[in-house]
C-alpha atoms as a PDB file:
ATOM      1  CA  MET A   1     221.720 239.442 194.828  1.00  0.00           C
ATOM      2  CA  LYS A   2     218.945 238.210 192.531  1.00  0.00           C
ATOM      3  CA  LYS A   3     219.246 234.697 193.969  1.00  0.00           C
ATOM      4  CA  LEU A   4     219.287 236.156 197.472  1.00  0.00           C
ATOM      5  CA  LEU A   5     215.940 237.742 196.783  1.00  0.00           C
ATOM      6  CA  SER A   6     214.629 234.677 195.007  1.00  0.00           C
ATOM      7  CA  PHE A   7     212.064 234.352 197.723  1.00  0.00           C
ATOM      8  CA  ALA A   8     210.794 237.746 196.706  1.00  0.00           C
ATOM      9  CA  LEU A   9     209.478 236.252 193.548  1.00  0.00           C
ATOM     10  CA  MET A  10     206.771 234.549 195.537  1.00  0.00           C
ATOM     11  CA  VAL A  11     205.852 237.915 196.957  1.00  0.00           C
ATOM     12  CA  ALA A  12     205.138 239.429 193.599  1.00  0.00           C
ATOM     13  CA  PHE A  13     201.557 240.020 194.665  1.00  0.00           C
ATOM     14  CA  PHE A  14     202.288 243.512 195.849  1.00  0.00           C
ATOM     15  CA  THR A  15     199.961 245.999 194.305  1.00  0.00           C
ATOM     16  CA  THR A  16     196.252 245.813 193.826  1.00  0.00           C
ATOM     17  CA  THR A  17     193.836 244.037 196.103  1.00  0.00           C
ATOM     18  CA  ALA A  18     191.350 242.447 193.759  1.00  0.00           C
ATOM     19  CA  PHE A  19     190.090 240.036 196.364  1.00  0.00           C
ATOM     20  CA  THR A  20     188.816 240.496 199.874  1.00  0.00           C
ATOM     21  CA  LEU A  21     190.193 237.909 202.245  1.00  0.00           C
ATOM     22  CA  ASN A  22     188.505 236.651 205.358  1.00  0.00           C
ATOM     23  CA  ASN A  23     189.650 239.061 208.065  1.00  0.00           C
ATOM     24  CA  ASP A  24     190.645 236.210 210.362  1.00  0.00           C
ATOM     25  CA  ALA A  25     192.729 234.590 207.644  1.00  0.00           C
ATOM     26  CA  ASN A  26     194.177 237.855 206.400  1.00  0.00           C
ATOM     27  CA  ASN A  27     195.134 239.359 209.726  1.00  0.00           C
ATOM     28  CA  SER A  28     196.007 236.396 211.898  1.00  0.00           C
ATOM     29  CA  VAL A  29     199.624 235.392 211.959  1.00  0.00           C
ATOM     30  CA  ASP A  30     198.459 232.408 214.034  1.00  0.00           C
ATOM     31  CA  ASN A  31     197.442 230.665 210.790  1.00  0.00           C
ATOM     32  CA  ASP A  32     200.013 228.792 208.769  1.00  0.00           C
ATOM     33  CA  ILE A  33     199.938 228.955 204.969  1.00  0.00           C
ATOM     34  CA  VAL A  34     197.683 225.904 204.612  1.00  0.00           C
ATOM     35  CA  ASP A  35     195.199 227.079 207.266  1.00  0.00           C
ATOM     36  CA  LEU A  36     195.078 230.543 205.709  1.00  0.00           C
ATOM     37  CA  ALA A  37     194.365 229.103 202.249  1.00  0.00           C
ATOM     38  CA  ALA A  38     191.770 226.677 203.637  1.00  0.00           C
ATOM     39  CA  GLN A  39     189.866 229.619 205.159  1.00  0.00           C
ATOM     40  CA  THR A  40     189.834 231.465 201.834  1.00  0.00           C
ATOM     41  CA  GLU A  41     187.050 230.292 199.496  1.00  0.00           C
ATOM     42  CA  PHE A  42     188.734 231.460 196.275  1.00  0.00           C
ATOM     43  CA  LEU A  43     191.800 229.299 197.035  1.00  0.00           C
ATOM     44  CA  SER A  44     189.864 226.019 197.421  1.00  0.00           C
ATOM     45  CA  THR A  45     191.296 224.502 194.213  1.00  0.00           C
ATOM     46  CA  LEU A  46     194.815 225.217 195.446  1.00  0.00           C
ATOM     47  CA  VAL A  47     193.986 223.586 198.784  1.00  0.00           C
ATOM     48  CA  ALA A  48     192.630 220.487 197.003  1.00  0.00           C
ATOM     49  CA  ALA A  49     195.793 220.311 194.890  1.00  0.00           C
ATOM     50  CA  VAL A  50     198.071 220.658 197.937  1.00  0.00           C
ATOM     51  CA  GLN A  51     196.146 217.820 199.598  1.00  0.00           C
ATOM     52  CA  ALA A  52     196.334 215.616 196.471  1.00  0.00           C
ATOM     53  CA  GLY A  53     200.073 216.284 196.234  1.00  0.00           C
ATOM     54  CA  ASP A  54     200.621 215.335 199.900  1.00  0.00           C
ATOM     55  CA  LEU A  55     202.199 218.743 200.527  1.00  0.00           C
ATOM     56  CA  VAL A  56     200.040 219.783 203.491  1.00  0.00           C
ATOM     57  CA  ASP A  57     202.629 218.803 206.114  1.00  0.00           C
ATOM     58  CA  VAL A  58     205.403 220.529 204.170  1.00  0.00           C
ATOM     59  CA  LEU A  59     203.486 223.813 203.899  1.00  0.00           C
ATOM     60  CA  LYS A  60     202.473 223.560 207.552  1.00  0.00           C
ATOM     61  CA  GLY A  61     206.174 223.256 208.426  1.00  0.00           C
ATOM     62  CA  ASP A  62     208.364 225.916 209.974  1.00  0.00           C
ATOM     63  CA  GLY A  63     209.342 227.551 206.688  1.00  0.00           C
ATOM     64  CA  PRO A  64     209.549 230.335 206.087  1.00  0.00           C
ATOM     65  CA  PHE A  65     207.953 230.111 202.667  1.00  0.00           C
ATOM     66  CA  THR A  66     206.747 232.586 200.120  1.00  0.00           C
ATOM     67  CA  VAL A  67     203.795 231.185 198.196  1.00  0.00           C
ATOM     68  CA  PHE A  68     202.352 232.548 194.985  1.00  0.00           C
ATOM     69  CA  ALA A  69     198.801 231.289 195.356  1.00  0.00           C
ATOM     70  CA  PRO A  70     196.686 230.897 192.198  1.00  0.00           C
ATOM     71  CA  THR A  71     192.970 231.496 192.664  1.00  0.00           C
ATOM     72  CA  ASN A  72     190.184 229.155 191.585  1.00  0.00           C
ATOM     73  CA  ASP A  73     189.711 231.422 188.542  1.00  0.00           C
ATOM     74  CA  ALA A  74     193.423 231.024 187.742  1.00  0.00           C
ATOM     75  CA  PHE A  75     193.055 227.234 187.709  1.00  0.00           C
ATOM     76  CA  ALA A  76     189.918 227.603 185.560  1.00  0.00           C
ATOM     77  CA  LYS A  77     192.018 229.363 182.880  1.00  0.00           C
ATOM     78  CA  LEU A  78     193.972 226.149 182.255  1.00  0.00           C
ATOM     79  CA  PRO A  79     192.849 223.995 179.311  1.00  0.00           C
ATOM     80  CA  ALA A  80     189.785 221.851 180.034  1.00  0.00           C
ATOM     81  CA  GLY A  81     190.643 218.724 182.002  1.00  0.00           C
ATOM     82  CA  THR A  82     194.077 219.905 183.140  1.00  0.00           C
ATOM     83  CA  VAL A  83     193.217 220.257 186.825  1.00  0.00           C
ATOM     84  CA  GLU A  84     191.302 216.993 186.902  1.00  0.00           C
ATOM     85  CA  ASN A  85     194.252 215.192 185.279  1.00  0.00           C
ATOM     86  CA  LEU A  86     196.759 216.712 187.688  1.00  0.00           C
ATOM     87  CA  LEU A  87     194.656 215.591 190.662  1.00  0.00           C
ATOM     88  CA  LYS A  88     194.740 211.934 189.581  1.00  0.00           C
ATOM     89  CA  PRO A  89     197.001 209.755 191.777  1.00  0.00           C
ATOM     90  CA  GLU A  90     199.032 208.629 188.770  1.00  0.00           C
ATOM     91  CA  ASN A  91     199.941 212.282 188.038  1.00  0.00           C
ATOM     92  CA  LYS A  92     201.037 213.160 191.567  1.00  0.00           C
ATOM     93  CA  ASP A  93     204.680 213.762 190.557  1.00  0.00           C
ATOM     94  CA  LYS A  94     203.646 216.274 187.899  1.00  0.00           C
ATOM     95  CA  LEU A  95     201.242 217.975 190.330  1.00  0.00           C
ATOM     96  CA  VAL A  96     204.014 218.327 192.904  1.00  0.00           C
ATOM     97  CA  GLN A  97     206.271 219.882 190.239  1.00  0.00           C
ATOM     98  CA  VAL A  98     203.589 222.473 189.423  1.00  0.00           C
ATOM     99  CA  LEU A  99     202.787 223.268 193.058  1.00  0.00           C
ATOM    100  CA  THR A 100     206.395 223.563 194.235  1.00  0.00           C
ATOM    101  CA  TYR A 101     207.020 225.941 191.320  1.00  0.00           C
ATOM    102  CA  HIS A 102     204.732 228.369 193.206  1.00  0.00           C
ATOM    103  CA  VAL A 103     206.849 228.247 196.386  1.00  0.00           C
ATOM    104  CA  VAL A 104     210.070 230.102 197.099  1.00  0.00           C
ATOM    105  CA  PRO A 105     212.035 229.293 200.263  1.00  0.00           C
ATOM    106  CA  GLY A 106     212.239 232.288 202.588  1.00  0.00           C
ATOM    107  CA  LYS A 107     209.987 235.229 203.300  1.00  0.00           C
ATOM    108  CA  VAL A 108     209.868 237.955 200.655  1.00  0.00           C
ATOM    109  CA  TYR A 109     207.636 241.001 200.716  1.00  0.00           C
ATOM    110  CA  SER A 110     206.578 243.200 197.833  1.00  0.00           C
ATOM    111  CA  LYS A 111     208.966 245.944 198.974  1.00  0.00           C
ATOM    112  CA  ASP A 112     211.837 243.502 198.322  1.00  0.00           C
ATOM    113  CA  LEU A 113     210.986 243.036 194.648  1.00  0.00           C
ATOM    114  CA  SER A 114     212.778 244.567 191.715  1.00  0.00           C
ATOM    115  CA  ASP A 115     212.041 244.447 188.008  1.00  0.00           C
ATOM    116  CA  GLY A 116     213.798 241.569 186.275  1.00  0.00           C
ATOM    117  CA  MET A 117     214.772 239.728 189.431  1.00  0.00           C
ATOM    118  CA  THR A 118     214.695 235.940 189.483  1.00  0.00           C
ATOM    119  CA  ALA A 119     214.013 233.506 192.282  1.00  0.00           C
ATOM    120  CA  THR A 120     214.682 229.814 192.557  1.00  0.00           C
ATOM    121  CA  THR A 121     211.562 227.901 193.496  1.00  0.00           C
ATOM    122  CA  ALA A 122     211.227 224.844 195.715  1.00  0.00           C
ATOM    123  CA  GLN A 123     210.743 222.929 192.458  1.00  0.00           C
ATOM    124  CA  GLY A 124     214.275 223.931 191.426  1.00  0.00           C
ATOM    125  CA  LYS A 125     213.579 226.196 188.447  1.00  0.00           C
ATOM    126  CA  ASP A 126     213.687 229.996 188.450  1.00  0.00           C
ATOM    127  CA  ILE A 127     210.766 232.357 188.157  1.00  0.00           C
ATOM    128  CA  LYS A 128     211.051 235.936 186.939  1.00  0.00           C
ATOM    129  CA  ILE A 129     209.528 239.031 188.511  1.00  0.00           C
ATOM    130  CA  SER A 130     208.500 242.055 186.476  1.00  0.00           C
ATOM    131  CA  LEU A 131     207.179 245.349 187.719  1.00  0.00           C
ATOM    132  CA  LYS A 132     205.022 247.300 185.290  1.00  0.00           C
ATOM    133  CA  ASP A 133     202.499 250.089 185.766  1.00  0.00           C
ATOM    134  CA  GLY A 134     202.439 249.600 189.531  1.00  0.00           C
ATOM    135  CA  LYS A 135     201.816 245.856 189.249  1.00  0.00           C
ATOM    136  CA  ALA A 136     204.029 242.912 190.098  1.00  0.00           C
ATOM    137  CA  MET A 137     204.044 239.890 187.841  1.00  0.00           C
ATOM    138  CA  VAL A 138     205.509 236.417 188.282  1.00  0.00           C
ATOM    139  CA  ASN A 139     206.220 234.710 184.956  1.00  0.00           C
ATOM    140  CA  GLY A 140     203.369 236.784 183.510  1.00  0.00           C
ATOM    141  CA  ALA A 141     200.865 236.085 186.316  1.00  0.00           C
ATOM    142  CA  THR A 142     199.714 239.281 188.020  1.00  0.00           C
ATOM    143  CA  VAL A 143     199.903 239.579 191.774  1.00  0.00           C
ATOM    144  CA  THR A 144     196.416 240.673 192.827  1.00  0.00           C
ATOM    145  CA  THR A 145     196.950 240.662 196.598  1.00  0.00           C
ATOM    146  CA  ALA A 146     200.360 240.879 198.227  1.00  0.00           C
ATOM    147  CA  ASP A 147     202.003 240.378 201.594  1.00  0.00           C
ATOM    148  CA  ILE A 148     199.427 238.210 203.344  1.00  0.00           C
ATOM    149  CA  GLU A 149     201.098 237.161 206.590  1.00  0.00           C
ATOM    150  CA  ALA A 150     201.090 233.571 207.795  1.00  0.00           C
ATOM    151  CA  SER A 151     202.844 232.100 210.822  1.00  0.00           C
ATOM    152  CA  ASN A 152     205.322 230.311 208.549  1.00  0.00           C
ATOM    153  CA  GLY A 153     205.666 232.731 205.662  1.00  0.00           C
ATOM    154  CA  VAL A 154     203.897 235.085 203.325  1.00  0.00           C
ATOM    155  CA  VAL A 155     201.323 234.528 200.588  1.00  0.00           C
ATOM    156  CA  HIS A 156     200.799 236.502 197.399  1.00  0.00           C
ATOM    157  CA  VAL A 157     197.671 235.809 195.381  1.00  0.00           C
ATOM    158  CA  ILE A 158     198.123 235.509 191.601  1.00  0.00           C
ATOM    159  CA  ASP A 159     195.653 235.470 188.722  1.00  0.00           C
ATOM    160  CA  SER A 160     197.209 232.617 186.706  1.00  0.00           C
ATOM    161  CA  VAL A 161     198.830 229.253 187.354  1.00  0.00           C
ATOM    162  CA  ILE A 162     202.512 229.379 186.482  1.00  0.00           C
ATOM    163  CA  LEU A 163     203.888 226.226 184.905  1.00  0.00           C
ATOM    164  CA  PRO A 164     207.488 225.082 185.245  1.00  0.00           C
ATOM    165  CA  PRO A 165     209.541 224.451 182.145  1.00  0.00           C
ATOM    166  CA  MET A 166     209.452 220.721 181.475  1.00  0.00           C
END
């Protein structure tokens, strides 16, 4: 059952809305995940990373996908130089590993989450969901905005970049 809801892990953004999304991006199911992120200023680092990793066409695909989307501030929490290094062409494989660790195949909403559940990411490793004090967390990253509809899935905004075990 936990594996069945593995997509729910990406939806762990279910409680507080710490960010205000562009109404067009937030409410339009006509936008795919990439278009939605591109219209959202605080996800510009994620968009740049998806472009550098050549994952735009994948995330514009049919899906469905659940994406745990780190904000610009989340990327800024990483050690100095980390993002710049990941964006270098010679580090593309590592960048793809990090980005696909934020994607779960399927469409999972916050209502589908349960404390302690795990989900297998597109990268191949599991992430763990915890529910505490009315907040959902994915591997320790807090979901700040949940259940943002896209034409090919759902996006949950998180406050930290989650890194796959290497």
